[in-house]
Protein backbone atom coordinates (compact mmCIF):
# COMPACT_ATOMS: atom_id res chain seq x y z
CA MET A 1 40.43 83.01 66.35
CA ALA A 2 44.22 83.11 65.21
CA SER A 3 44.88 86.51 65.78
CA LEU A 4 43.32 86.68 69.19
CA SER A 5 46.28 84.40 70.23
CA PHE A 6 48.73 86.42 68.34
CA GLY A 7 47.48 88.77 70.44
CA LEU A 8 47.45 86.78 73.93
CA ARG A 9 50.84 85.06 73.19
CA PHE A 10 52.39 88.52 72.42
CA SER A 11 51.15 90.14 75.47
CA ALA A 12 52.13 86.84 77.83
CA VAL A 13 55.40 87.42 76.18
CA ALA A 14 55.80 91.13 77.34
CA ALA A 15 55.08 90.75 80.93
CA SER A 16 56.90 88.04 80.77
CA ILE A 17 59.74 90.86 79.61
CA GLY A 18 58.34 93.16 82.11
CA LEU A 19 58.64 90.79 85.14
CA LEU A 20 61.98 89.87 84.08
CA SER A 21 63.28 93.26 83.90
CA PHE A 22 61.72 94.20 87.23
CA GLY A 23 63.12 91.22 89.11
CA VAL A 24 66.92 91.79 87.83
CA ALA A 25 66.44 95.46 89.24
CA ALA A 26 65.18 94.01 92.37
CA ALA A 27 67.97 91.83 92.70
CA VAL A 28 70.46 94.53 91.77
CA GLY A 29 69.48 97.06 94.00
CA SER A 30 70.20 94.49 97.61
CA PHE A 31 74.29 94.17 96.53
CA SER A 32 75.69 95.72 99.54
CA ARG A 33 78.11 97.89 99.22
CA ALA A 34 81.93 97.48 98.90
CA ASP A 35 84.47 99.18 100.09
CA ALA A 36 88.76 98.41 100.10
CA GLN A 37 90.36 98.65 103.35
CA GLY A 38 94.05 99.88 103.39
CA LEU A 39 96.37 96.83 104.07
CA GLY A 40 99.44 98.93 105.26
CA PRO A 41 100.63 102.03 104.52
CA GLU A 42 99.37 104.80 102.03
CA VAL A 43 101.99 106.92 100.24
CA THR A 44 98.91 110.08 100.25
CA GLY A 45 99.16 113.37 101.92
CA GLY A 46 101.47 115.63 100.04
CA VAL A 47 102.45 116.64 96.84
CA GLN A 48 105.82 114.96 96.71
CA PRO A 49 106.26 112.04 99.19
CA TYR A 50 109.45 111.03 97.87
CA VAL A 51 112.48 112.15 99.48
CA SER A 52 116.15 111.75 98.67
CA VAL A 53 119.42 112.81 101.23
CA SER A 54 122.64 113.14 99.79
CA GLY A 55 126.39 114.87 101.27
CA THR A 56 129.34 113.95 103.18
CA THR A 57 128.83 113.36 106.47
CA PRO A 58 131.59 116.04 107.95
CA THR A 59 133.21 113.17 111.10
CA SER A 60 133.35 109.82 111.78
CA GLY A 61 130.85 110.13 114.12
CA THR A 62 127.64 109.83 114.27
CA ASN A 63 125.61 112.06 112.19
CA THR A 64 122.21 112.86 111.78
CA VAL A 65 120.79 113.20 107.99
CA TYR A 66 117.16 113.17 108.53
CA THR A 67 114.09 113.68 110.41
CA VAL A 68 111.27 111.74 109.58
CA PRO A 69 107.83 113.93 110.14
CA ALA A 70 105.62 113.79 113.14
CA ASP A 71 103.33 111.86 111.49
CA ARG A 72 104.72 110.24 108.85
CA ILE A 73 106.44 107.09 108.31
CA LEU A 74 109.80 106.99 106.35
CA VAL A 75 110.50 103.50 103.95
CA VAL A 76 113.93 103.83 102.91
CA THR A 77 113.96 102.13 99.61
CA GLY A 78 117.86 103.03 98.64
CA ALA A 79 121.01 103.84 100.41
CA ILE A 80 124.41 104.00 98.68
CA PHE A 81 127.70 104.86 101.10
CA SER A 82 131.20 105.55 99.80
CA THR A 83 132.75 103.74 102.44
CA VAL A 84 131.57 101.38 104.77
CA ALA A 85 129.38 103.24 107.40
CA ASP A 86 126.41 102.04 109.78
CA LEU A 87 122.67 103.27 108.83
CA TYR A 88 120.28 103.82 112.37
CA GLU A 89 117.20 104.77 114.00
CA GLY A 90 118.05 107.62 116.28
CA SER A 91 120.55 105.15 118.40
CA THR A 92 119.30 101.91 117.41
CA LEU A 93 121.19 99.90 114.71
CA LYS A 94 119.22 99.19 111.79
CA VAL A 95 121.61 98.14 108.68
CA GLU A 96 124.84 97.60 109.22
CA GLY A 97 127.36 98.81 106.67
CA SER A 98 129.31 95.63 106.49
CA SER A 99 125.90 93.84 105.55
CA ALA A 100 124.54 92.19 102.53
CA ALA A 101 121.41 94.01 102.44
CA MET A 102 124.18 97.18 102.28
CA LEU A 103 127.06 95.63 100.07
CA ALA A 104 127.11 96.28 96.61
CA ASN A 105 130.55 94.39 95.51
CA SER A 106 131.59 92.03 92.71
CA ASN A 107 130.11 88.68 94.97
CA THR A 108 126.99 90.31 94.66
CA VAL A 109 126.28 91.03 91.07
CA ALA A 110 122.98 92.61 91.72
CA GLY A 111 124.15 94.34 94.99
CA GLY A 112 121.87 94.39 98.10
CA VAL A 113 118.59 95.10 98.18
CA LEU A 114 119.60 98.86 99.65
CA SER A 115 122.41 99.55 96.96
CA SER A 116 120.26 98.32 94.34
CA GLY A 117 116.88 100.37 95.30
CA ASN A 118 114.75 97.29 96.39
CA GLY A 119 114.76 98.04 99.99
CA HIS A 120 112.19 99.21 102.00
CA LEU A 121 113.36 99.81 105.64
CA VAL A 122 110.93 101.42 107.52
CA PHE A 123 111.46 104.64 109.90
CA ASN A 124 109.16 105.50 112.64
CA PRO A 125 107.53 108.67 112.94
CA GLY A 126 109.29 111.64 114.45
CA SER A 127 112.62 109.29 114.34
CA THR A 128 116.12 110.12 112.73
CA LEU A 129 117.62 108.77 109.84
CA VAL A 130 121.33 108.68 111.33
CA ILE A 131 124.88 107.45 109.57
CA SER A 132 127.82 106.89 112.00
CA GLY A 133 130.81 106.60 109.65
CA SER A 134 132.67 109.63 107.57
CA ALA A 135 131.15 108.91 103.97
CA SER A 136 129.67 109.92 101.21
CA TYR A 137 125.93 108.98 100.89
CA TYR A 138 122.83 109.04 98.73
CA ILE A 139 119.22 107.99 100.72
CA GLN A 140 115.58 107.42 98.68
CA GLY A 141 112.53 106.06 99.69
CA TYR A 142 108.78 107.30 100.14
CA LEU A 143 107.12 109.06 103.34
CA ALA A 144 103.96 107.05 104.03
CA HIS A 145 100.40 107.07 106.65
CA PRO A 146 102.04 104.40 109.54
């Protein structure tokens, strides 16, 4: 009788474990798939999405220094000029050269956001990056999908 009782108990425990496993498998299988979606511009599409341009503008007028590809935006993260010069997107003023965003001097210990490389200035697809003024310059950023 004792051995019959042990056999029944063992069978009941094994059946319970089997049902529990089946229930967990069914629950996991019923979960919906989760896909991440982009929250903004993506830095993809090319071996080297980073852009840096440097040089000296030849005249004190407007000088086009870079043309953004038609299928990308340009996010300028840093810009340093040797003199006060304005930064334009085509004919639209983006940053005045004497603004706090651009300047690095003794009053701004870390410098402006662009001169310290912490800017996020967006230029539209197909637009031109223009410097107004005569200056040596270095501009850095990255291309992204709009």
